[in-house]
PDB file of N, CA and C in Angstrom:
ATOM      1  N   UNK A   1     -11.646  17.870  -2.554  1.00  0.00           N
ATOM      2  CA  UNK A   1     -11.056  17.248  -3.012  1.00  0.00           C
ATOM      3  C   UNK A   1     -10.566  16.476  -1.624  1.00  0.00           C
ATOM      4  N   UNK A   2     -10.503  15.698  -1.165  1.00  0.00           N
ATOM      5  CA  UNK A   2     -10.058  14.539  -0.588  1.00  0.00           C
ATOM      6  C   UNK A   2      -8.793  13.904  -0.780  1.00  0.00           C
ATOM      7  N   UNK A   3      -7.729  14.221  -0.339  1.00  0.00           N
ATOM      8  CA  UNK A   3      -6.563  13.524  -0.552  1.00  0.00           C
ATOM      9  C   UNK A   3      -5.438  12.795   0.672  1.00  0.00           C
ATOM     10  N   UNK A   4      -5.155  11.263   0.961  1.00  0.00           N
ATOM     11  CA  UNK A   4      -5.437  10.397   2.202  1.00  0.00           C
ATOM     12  C   UNK A   4      -3.498   9.751   1.994  1.00  0.00           C
ATOM     13  N   UNK A   5      -3.158  10.554   2.115  1.00  0.00           N
ATOM     14  CA  UNK A   5      -1.043  10.443   1.808  1.00  0.00           C
ATOM     15  C   UNK A   5      -1.102   9.917   2.638  1.00  0.00           C
ATOM     16  N   UNK A   6      -0.462   7.946   2.500  1.00  0.00           N
ATOM     17  CA  UNK A   6      -0.617   6.830   3.597  1.00  0.00           C
ATOM     18  C   UNK A   6       0.781   6.377   3.580  1.00  0.00           C
ATOM     19  N   UNK A   7       1.759   5.768   4.593  1.00  0.00           N
ATOM     20  CA  UNK A   7       3.323   6.172   5.129  1.00  0.00           C
ATOM     21  C   UNK A   7       3.535   4.470   4.964  1.00  0.00           C
ATOM     22  N   UNK A   8       3.870   3.916   4.423  1.00  0.00           N
ATOM     23  CA  UNK A   8       4.373   2.651   3.848  1.00  0.00           C
ATOM     24  C   UNK A   8       4.995   1.754   5.214  1.00  0.00           C
ATOM     25  N   UNK A   9       5.590   3.094   5.700  1.00  0.00           N
ATOM     26  CA  UNK A   9       5.503   2.366   7.060  1.00  0.00           C
ATOM     27  C   UNK A   9       5.018   2.952   8.709  1.00  0.00           C
ATOM     28  N   UNK A  10       3.940   3.211   7.785  1.00  0.00           N
ATOM     29  CA  UNK A  10       3.536   4.286   9.438  1.00  0.00           C
ATOM     30  C   UNK A  10       3.292   5.919   8.555  1.00  0.00           C
ATOM     31  N   UNK A  11       2.289   6.040  10.764  1.00  0.00           N
ATOM     32  CA  UNK A  11       2.479   8.082  10.056  1.00  0.00           C
ATOM     33  C   UNK A  11       3.773   8.703  10.181  1.00  0.00           C
ATOM     34  N   UNK A  12       5.389   8.154  10.057  1.00  0.00           N
ATOM     35  CA  UNK A  12       6.273   9.131  10.617  1.00  0.00           C
ATOM     36  C   UNK A  12       6.743   9.238   9.137  1.00  0.00           C
ATOM     37  N   UNK A  13       7.334  10.954   9.063  1.00  0.00           N
ATOM     38  CA  UNK A  13       7.951  11.247   7.271  1.00  0.00           C
ATOM     39  C   UNK A  13       8.896  10.632   7.166  1.00  0.00           C
ATOM     40  N   UNK A  14       8.456  10.521   5.714  1.00  0.00           N
ATOM     41  CA  UNK A  14       9.725  10.253   4.930  1.00  0.00           C
ATOM     42  C   UNK A  14      10.311  10.830   3.931  1.00  0.00           C
ATOM     43  N   UNK A  15      11.516  10.498   4.125  1.00  0.00           N
ATOM     44  CA  UNK A  15      12.604  11.349   3.198  1.00  0.00           C
ATOM     45  C   UNK A  15      12.996  10.649   2.058  1.00  0.00           C
ATOM     46  N   UNK A  16      11.885  12.097   1.183  1.00  0.00           N
ATOM     47  CA  UNK A  16      12.782  11.499  -0.337  1.00  0.00           C
ATOM     48  C   UNK A  16      14.114  11.299  -1.237  1.00  0.00           C
ATOM     49  N   UNK A  17      14.190  10.849  -2.029  1.00  0.00           N
ATOM     50  CA  UNK A  17      16.021  11.381  -2.624  1.00  0.00           C
ATOM     51  C   UNK A  17      16.349  12.521  -2.734  1.00  0.00           C
ATOM     52  N   UNK A  18      15.220  13.059  -3.252  1.00  0.00           N
ATOM     53  CA  UNK A  18      15.650  14.603  -3.758  1.00  0.00           C
ATOM     54  C   UNK A  18      15.812  15.295  -1.991  1.00  0.00           C
ATOM     55  N   UNK A  19      15.457  14.822  -1.072  1.00  0.00           N
ATOM     56  CA  UNK A  19      15.619  15.666   0.280  1.00  0.00           C
ATOM     57  C   UNK A  19      14.413  16.410   0.374  1.00  0.00           C
ATOM     58  N   UNK A  20      13.630  15.675  -0.296  1.00  0.00           N
ATOM     59  CA  UNK A  20      12.096  16.071  -0.242  1.00  0.00           C
ATOM     60  C   UNK A  20      11.450  15.281   1.627  1.00  0.00           C
ATOM     61  N   UNK A  21      10.506  16.129   2.343  1.00  0.00           N
ATOM     62  CA  UNK A  21      10.223  15.428   3.589  1.00  0.00           C
ATOM     63  C   UNK A  21       8.873  14.972   3.545  1.00  0.00           C
ATOM     64  N   UNK A  22       8.133  13.998   3.358  1.00  0.00           N
ATOM     65  CA  UNK A  22       6.847  13.759   3.370  1.00  0.00           C
ATOM     66  C   UNK A  22       6.178  13.592   4.782  1.00  0.00           C
ATOM     67  N   UNK A  23       5.015  14.123   5.298  1.00  0.00           N
ATOM     68  CA  UNK A  23       4.061  13.463   6.337  1.00  0.00           C
ATOM     69  C   UNK A  23       3.177  13.117   5.956  1.00  0.00           C
ATOM     70  N   UNK A  24       3.005  11.796   6.264  1.00  0.00           N
ATOM     71  CA  UNK A  24       2.114  10.735   5.676  1.00  0.00           C
ATOM     72  C   UNK A  24       0.742  11.415   7.123  1.00  0.00           C
ATOM     73  N   UNK A  25      -1.037  11.080   6.728  1.00  0.00           N
ATOM     74  CA  UNK A  25      -1.620  11.392   7.221  1.00  0.00           C
ATOM     75  C   UNK A  25      -2.206  10.035   8.228  1.00  0.00           C
ATOM     76  N   UNK A  26      -1.920   8.933   8.044  1.00  0.00           N
ATOM     77  CA  UNK A  26      -1.589   7.751   8.154  1.00  0.00           C
ATOM     78  C   UNK A  26      -0.960   6.584   7.903  1.00  0.00           C
ATOM     79  N   UNK A  27      -1.112   5.467   8.983  1.00  0.00           N
ATOM     80  CA  UNK A  27       0.102   4.618   7.874  1.00  0.00           C
ATOM     81  C   UNK A  27      -1.108   3.655   6.345  1.00  0.00           C
ATOM     82  N   UNK A  28      -0.086   2.720   5.289  1.00  0.00           N
ATOM     83  CA  UNK A  28      -1.097   2.574   4.804  1.00  0.00           C
ATOM     84  C   UNK A  28      -1.939   1.021   5.218  1.00  0.00           C
ATOM     85  N   UNK A  29      -1.646   0.434   5.922  1.00  0.00           N
ATOM     86  CA  UNK A  29      -2.570  -0.205   7.020  1.00  0.00           C
ATOM     87  C   UNK A  29      -3.533   0.476   7.643  1.00  0.00           C
ATOM     88  N   UNK A  30      -3.821   2.008   7.457  1.00  0.00           N
ATOM     89  CA  UNK A  30      -4.721   2.674   8.175  1.00  0.00           C
ATOM     90  C   UNK A  30      -5.632   3.203   6.869  1.00  0.00           C
ATOM     91  N   UNK A  31      -4.989   3.262   5.532  1.00  0.00           N
ATOM     92  CA  UNK A  31      -5.831   3.262   5.029  1.00  0.00           C
ATOM     93  C   UNK A  31      -6.902   2.338   4.499  1.00  0.00           C
ATOM     94  N   UNK A  32      -6.060   0.731   4.396  1.00  0.00           N
ATOM     95  CA  UNK A  32      -6.964   0.195   3.430  1.00  0.00           C
ATOM     96  C   UNK A  32      -7.869  -0.231   4.464  1.00  0.00           C
ATOM     97  N   UNK A  33      -8.479   0.058   5.532  1.00  0.00           N
ATOM     98  CA  UNK A  33      -9.392   0.209   6.276  1.00  0.00           C
ATOM     99  C   UNK A  33     -10.362   0.985   5.797  1.00  0.00           C
ATOM    100  N   UNK A  34     -10.555   2.552   4.257  1.00  0.00           N
ATOM    101  CA  UNK A  34     -11.562   3.461   4.479  1.00  0.00           C
ATOM    102  C   UNK A  34     -11.079   2.889   2.596  1.00  0.00           C
ATOM    103  N   UNK A  35     -10.606   2.141   2.109  1.00  0.00           N
ATOM    104  CA  UNK A  35     -10.636   2.520   0.477  1.00  0.00           C
ATOM    105  C   UNK A  35     -12.464   1.116   0.635  1.00  0.00           C
ATOM    106  N   UNK A  36     -12.857   1.758  -0.739  1.00  0.00           N
ATOM    107  CA  UNK A  36     -12.271   2.132  -1.753  1.00  0.00           C
ATOM    108  C   UNK A  36     -12.173   3.397  -2.421  1.00  0.00           C
ATOM    109  N   UNK A  37     -10.589   3.933  -3.273  1.00  0.00           N
ATOM    110  CA  UNK A  37     -10.698   4.839  -3.017  1.00  0.00           C
ATOM    111  C   UNK A  37     -10.655   5.855  -4.786  1.00  0.00           C
ATOM    112  N   UNK A  38     -10.807   6.809  -4.708  1.00  0.00           N
ATOM    113  CA  UNK A  38     -11.434   7.153  -6.506  1.00  0.00           C
ATOM    114  C   UNK A  38      -9.789   6.792  -6.993  1.00  0.00           C
ATOM    115  N   UNK A  39      -8.685   7.441  -6.607  1.00  0.00           N
ATOM    116  CA  UNK A  39      -7.226   7.012  -7.351  1.00  0.00           C
ATOM    117  C   UNK A  39      -7.004   6.374  -6.241  1.00  0.00           C
ATOM    118  N   UNK A  40      -5.315   6.041  -7.000  1.00  0.00           N
ATOM    119  CA  UNK A  40      -4.430   5.156  -6.232  1.00  0.00           C
ATOM    120  C   UNK A  40      -3.244   5.363  -6.841  1.00  0.00           C
ATOM    121  N   UNK A  41      -2.341   6.760  -6.556  1.00  0.00           N
ATOM    122  CA  UNK A  41      -1.478   7.493  -6.710  1.00  0.00           C
ATOM    123  C   UNK A  41      -0.106   6.763  -6.798  1.00  0.00           C
ATOM    124  N   UNK A  42       0.929   6.065  -6.737  1.00  0.00           N
ATOM    125  CA  UNK A  42       1.759   5.579  -7.107  1.00  0.00           C
ATOM    126  C   UNK A  42       3.664   6.282  -6.712  1.00  0.00           C
ATOM    127  N   UNK A  43       3.765   6.904  -5.279  1.00  0.00           N
ATOM    128  CA  UNK A  43       4.852   7.416  -6.409  1.00  0.00           C
ATOM    129  C   UNK A  43       6.302   6.815  -6.765  1.00  0.00           C
ATOM    130  N   UNK A  44       7.260   7.187  -7.519  1.00  0.00           N
ATOM    131  CA  UNK A  44       8.165   6.306  -8.031  1.00  0.00           C
ATOM    132  C   UNK A  44       9.539   6.560  -7.147  1.00  0.00           C
ATOM    133  N   UNK A  45      10.684   6.586  -7.819  1.00  0.00           N
ATOM    134  CA  UNK A  45      12.119   6.213  -6.725  1.00  0.00           C
ATOM    135  C   UNK A  45      13.059   5.252  -6.730  1.00  0.00           C
ATOM    136  N   UNK A  46      14.172   4.467  -7.408  1.00  0.00           N
ATOM    137  CA  UNK A  46      15.113   3.401  -6.749  1.00  0.00           C
ATOM    138  C   UNK A  46      13.923   2.553  -5.238  1.00  0.00           C
ATOM    139  N   UNK A  47      14.352   3.748  -4.068  1.00  0.00           N
ATOM    140  CA  UNK A  47      14.500   2.261  -2.908  1.00  0.00           C
ATOM    141  C   UNK A  47      12.996   2.520  -2.657  1.00  0.00           C
ATOM    142  N   UNK A  48      12.039   3.578  -3.366  1.00  0.00           N
ATOM    143  CA  UNK A  48      10.965   3.843  -2.718  1.00  0.00           C
ATOM    144  C   UNK A  48      10.318   2.936  -3.786  1.00  0.00           C
ATOM    145  N   UNK A  49      10.271   2.538  -4.841  1.00  0.00           N
ATOM    146  CA  UNK A  49       9.987   1.262  -5.449  1.00  0.00           C
ATOM    147  C   UNK A  49      10.322   0.116  -5.444  1.00  0.00           C
ATOM    148  N   UNK A  50      11.295  -0.006  -5.180  1.00  0.00           N
ATOM    149  CA  UNK A  50      11.812  -1.626  -4.138  1.00  0.00           C
ATOM    150  C   UNK A  50      11.113  -1.887  -3.426  1.00  0.00           C
ATOM    151  N   UNK A  51      10.916  -0.819  -2.129  1.00  0.00           N
ATOM    152  CA  UNK A  51      10.047  -0.996  -0.964  1.00  0.00           C
ATOM    153  C   UNK A  51       8.329  -1.331  -0.925  1.00  0.00           C
ATOM    154  N   UNK A  52       7.836  -0.478  -1.897  1.00  0.00           N
ATOM    155  CA  UNK A  52       6.069  -0.882  -2.183  1.00  0.00           C
ATOM    156  C   UNK A  52       6.337  -2.226  -3.152  1.00  0.00           C
ATOM    157  N   UNK A  53       7.132  -2.485  -3.820  1.00  0.00           N
ATOM    158  CA  UNK A  53       6.726  -3.735  -4.828  1.00  0.00           C
ATOM    159  C   UNK A  53       7.035  -4.488  -3.705  1.00  0.00           C
ATOM    160  N   UNK A  54       8.033  -4.191  -2.685  1.00  0.00           N
ATOM    161  CA  UNK A  54       8.026  -6.355  -1.689  1.00  0.00           C
ATOM    162  C   UNK A  54       7.017  -5.680  -0.567  1.00  0.00           C
ATOM    163  N   UNK A  55       5.598  -4.703  -0.656  1.00  0.00           N
ATOM    164  CA  UNK A  55       4.745  -4.429   0.659  1.00  0.00           C
ATOM    165  C   UNK A  55       3.526  -4.863  -0.331  1.00  0.00           C
ATOM    166  N   UNK A  56       2.872  -5.781   1.053  1.00  0.00           N
ATOM    167  CA  UNK A  56       2.117  -6.881   0.516  1.00  0.00           C
ATOM    168  C   UNK A  56       0.688  -5.387   0.658  1.00  0.00           C
ATOM    169  N   UNK A  57       0.516  -5.076   1.611  1.00  0.00           N
ATOM    170  CA  UNK A  57      -0.361  -3.593   1.746  1.00  0.00           C
ATOM    171  C   UNK A  57      -0.565  -3.084   0.361  1.00  0.00           C
ATOM    172  N   UNK A  58       1.208  -2.796  -0.075  1.00  0.00           N
ATOM    173  CA  UNK A  58       0.471  -2.224  -1.567  1.00  0.00           C
ATOM    174  C   UNK A  58       0.048  -2.703  -2.683  1.00  0.00           C
ATOM    175  N   UNK A  59       0.720  -4.346  -2.774  1.00  0.00           N
ATOM    176  CA  UNK A  59      -0.381  -5.382  -3.258  1.00  0.00           C
ATOM    177  C   UNK A  59      -2.078  -5.288  -2.856  1.00  0.00           C
ATOM    178  N   UNK A  60      -2.065  -5.525  -1.588  1.00  0.00           N
ATOM    179  CA  UNK A  60      -3.672  -5.141  -1.488  1.00  0.00           C
ATOM    180  C   UNK A  60      -3.913  -3.803  -2.167  1.00  0.00           C
ATOM    181  N   UNK A  61      -4.067  -3.034  -2.022  1.00  0.00           N
ATOM    182  CA  UNK A  61      -4.439  -2.053  -1.934  1.00  0.00           C
ATOM    183  C   UNK A  61      -4.684  -1.778  -3.632  1.00  0.00           C
ATOM    184  N   UNK A  62      -4.021  -1.737  -4.716  1.00  0.00           N
ATOM    185  CA  UNK A  62      -3.589  -2.112  -6.283  1.00  0.00           C
ATOM    186  C   UNK A  62      -4.647  -3.358  -6.511  1.00  0.00           C
ATOM    187  N   UNK A  63      -4.548  -4.115  -6.308  1.00  0.00           N
ATOM    188  CA  UNK A  63      -5.346  -5.498  -6.603  1.00  0.00           C
ATOM    189  C   UNK A  63      -6.506  -5.456  -6.456  1.00  0.00           C
ATOM    190  N   UNK A  64      -6.543  -4.533  -5.369  1.00  0.00           N
ATOM    191  CA  UNK A  64      -8.517  -4.043  -4.855  1.00  0.00           C
ATOM    192  C   UNK A  64      -8.253  -2.701  -5.708  1.00  0.00           C
ATOM    193  N   UNK A  65      -7.843  -2.006  -6.470  1.00  0.00           N
ATOM    194  CA  UNK A  65      -8.182  -1.015  -6.647  1.00  0.00           C
ATOM    195  C   UNK A  65      -8.564  -1.274  -8.685  1.00  0.00           C
ATOM    196  N   UNK A  66      -7.242  -2.546  -9.125  1.00  0.00           N
ATOM    197  CA  UNK A  66      -7.788  -2.859 -10.323  1.00  0.00           C
ATOM    198  C   UNK A  66      -9.141  -4.205 -10.018  1.00  0.00           C
ATOM    199  N   UNK A  67      -9.561  -4.703  -9.412  1.00  0.00           N
ATOM    200  CA  UNK A  67     -10.370  -5.844  -9.104  1.00  0.00           C
ATOM    201  C   UNK A  67     -12.005  -4.555  -9.147  1.00  0.00           C
ATOM    202  N   UNK A  68     -12.242  -3.601  -8.798  1.00  0.00           N
ATOM    203  CA  UNK A  68     -13.060  -2.846  -8.936  1.00  0.00           C
ATOM    204  C   UNK A  68     -13.210  -1.674  -9.999  1.00  0.00           C
ATOM    205  N   UNK A  69     -12.317  -1.735 -11.421  1.00  0.00           N
ATOM    206  CA  UNK A  69     -11.942  -0.349 -12.147  1.00  0.00           C
ATOM    207  C   UNK A  69     -11.113   0.565 -12.048  1.00  0.00           C
ATOM    208  N   UNK A  70     -10.806   0.149 -10.690  1.00  0.00           N
ATOM    209  CA  UNK A  70     -10.349   1.584 -10.138  1.00  0.00           C
ATOM    210  C   UNK A  70      -9.197   2.255 -10.690  1.00  0.00           C
ATOM    211  N   UNK A  71      -8.794   3.377 -11.060  1.00  0.00           N
ATOM    212  CA  UNK A  71      -8.090   4.355 -11.118  1.00  0.00           C
ATOM    213  C   UNK A  71      -6.427   3.945 -10.222  1.00  0.00           C
ATOM    214  N   UNK A  72      -5.537   4.213 -11.637  1.00  0.00           N
ATOM    215  CA  UNK A  72      -4.345   3.779 -10.141  1.00  0.00           C
ATOM    216  C   UNK A  72      -3.013   4.610 -11.231  1.00  0.00           C
ATOM    217  N   UNK A  73      -2.901   5.457 -10.662  1.00  0.00           N
ATOM    218  CA  UNK A  73      -1.479   6.185 -11.686  1.00  0.00           C
ATOM    219  C   UNK A  73      -0.431   6.325 -10.784  1.00  0.00           C
ATOM    220  N   UNK A  74       0.663   6.176 -11.489  1.00  0.00           N
ATOM    221  CA  UNK A  74       2.371   6.025 -11.605  1.00  0.00           C
ATOM    222  C   UNK A  74       2.955   7.333 -11.823  1.00  0.00           C
ATOM    223  N   UNK A  75       3.746   7.823 -10.576  1.00  0.00           N
ATOM    224  CA  UNK A  75       4.441   8.438 -11.327  1.00  0.00           C
ATOM    225  C   UNK A  75       5.993   7.875 -11.029  1.00  0.00           C
ATOM    226  N   UNK A  76       6.906   8.088 -12.195  1.00  0.00           N
ATOM    227  CA  UNK A  76       7.884   7.865 -13.056  1.00  0.00           C
ATOM    228  C   UNK A  76       7.866   6.127 -13.337  1.00  0.00           C
ATOM    229  N   UNK A  77       9.365   6.312 -13.937  1.00  0.00           N
ATOM    230  CA  UNK A  77       9.608   4.798 -14.281  1.00  0.00           C
ATOM    231  C   UNK A  77       9.452   3.449 -13.143  1.00  0.00           C
ATOM    232  N   UNK A  78      10.129   3.720 -12.175  1.00  0.00           N
ATOM    233  CA  UNK A  78      10.528   3.441 -11.005  1.00  0.00           C
ATOM    234  C   UNK A  78       8.988   2.158 -10.564  1.00  0.00           C
ATOM    235  N   UNK A  79       7.906   2.377 -10.411  1.00  0.00           N
ATOM    236  CA  UNK A  79       6.886   1.599 -10.066  1.00  0.00           C
ATOM    237  C   UNK A  79       7.031   0.566 -11.473  1.00  0.00           C
ATOM    238  N   UNK A  80       7.411   0.402 -12.275  1.00  0.00           N
ATOM    239  CA  UNK A  80       6.973  -0.870 -13.326  1.00  0.00           C
ATOM    240  C   UNK A  80       7.243  -1.626 -12.382  1.00  0.00           C
ATOM    241  N   UNK A  81       8.581  -2.139 -11.484  1.00  0.00           N
ATOM    242  CA  UNK A  81       8.832  -2.827 -10.692  1.00  0.00           C
ATOM    243  C   UNK A  81       7.673  -3.291  -9.914  1.00  0.00           C
ATOM    244  N   UNK A  82       6.670  -2.351  -8.861  1.00  0.00           N
ATOM    245  CA  UNK A  82       5.414  -3.016  -8.555  1.00  0.00           C
ATOM    246  C   UNK A  82       4.805  -3.923  -9.339  1.00  0.00           C
ATOM    247  N   UNK A  83       4.294  -3.018 -10.485  1.00  0.00           N
ATOM    248  CA  UNK A  83       3.844  -3.103 -11.487  1.00  0.00           C
ATOM    249  C   UNK A  83       3.634  -4.808 -11.824  1.00  0.00           C
ATOM    250  N   UNK A  84       4.945  -4.548 -11.877  1.00  0.00           N
ATOM    251  CA  UNK A  84       5.402  -6.453 -12.744  1.00  0.00           C
ATOM    252  C   UNK A  84       5.453  -7.363 -11.749  1.00  0.00           C
ATOM    253  N   UNK A  85       5.729  -6.952 -10.590  1.00  0.00           N
ATOM    254  CA  UNK A  85       6.124  -8.418  -9.755  1.00  0.00           C
ATOM    255  C   UNK A  85       4.495  -8.364  -8.498  1.00  0.00           C
ATOM    256  N   UNK A  86       3.227  -7.456  -9.173  1.00  0.00           N
ATOM    257  CA  UNK A  86       1.838  -7.679  -8.766  1.00  0.00           C
ATOM    258  C   UNK A  86       1.127  -7.734 -10.384  1.00  0.00           C
ATOM    259  N   UNK A  87       1.784  -8.258 -11.068  1.00  0.00           N
ATOM    260  CA  UNK A  87       0.954  -8.815 -12.328  1.00  0.00           C
ATOM    261  C   UNK A  87      -0.141  -8.102 -12.572  1.00  0.00           C
ATOM    262  N   UNK A  88      -0.260  -7.158 -12.487  1.00  0.00           N
ATOM    263  CA  UNK A  88      -1.376  -5.965 -12.556  1.00  0.00           C
ATOM    264  C   UNK A  88      -1.978  -6.475 -14.145  1.00  0.00           C
ATOM    265  N   UNK A  89      -3.464  -6.209 -14.424  1.00  0.00           N
ATOM    266  CA  UNK A  89      -3.311  -6.195 -15.614  1.00  0.00           C
ATOM    267  C   UNK A  89      -2.800  -4.898 -17.216  1.00  0.00           C
ATOM    268  N   UNK A  90      -3.111  -3.445 -15.940  1.00  0.00           N
ATOM    269  CA  UNK A  90      -3.248  -1.909 -16.448  1.00  0.00           C
ATOM    270  C   UNK A  90      -2.496  -1.502 -15.325  1.00  0.00           C
ATOM    271  N   UNK A  91      -2.029   0.083 -16.229  1.00  0.00           N
ATOM    272  CA  UNK A  91      -1.413   1.156 -15.752  1.00  0.00           C
ATOM    273  C   UNK A  91      -1.542   2.308 -16.658  1.00  0.00           C
ATOM    274  N   UNK A  92      -2.505   3.238 -15.975  1.00  0.00           N
ATOM    275  CA  UNK A  92      -1.649   4.435 -16.269  1.00  0.00           C
ATOM    276  C   UNK A  92      -0.429   5.143 -16.340  1.00  0.00           C
TER     277      UNK A  92
END
């Protein structure tokens, strides 16, 4: 299984709300160049969900997934903000 971890603000490490540090493989902008993906999994959390909801890159990748009936998965209810802002038709 090939997995790409993309960072919203580039490939720099991200510290999550529970002090977990994630090191993205690439920026989300770079990840968009390699789309489509079989599944796009969106993380949850308060501030993270706010940042994702305000991102044009997130909008692009989720809309592309939806247009091709690709899978979109979300972790945590905080992602409802992202989906409602983008007016996506479905989510898993």
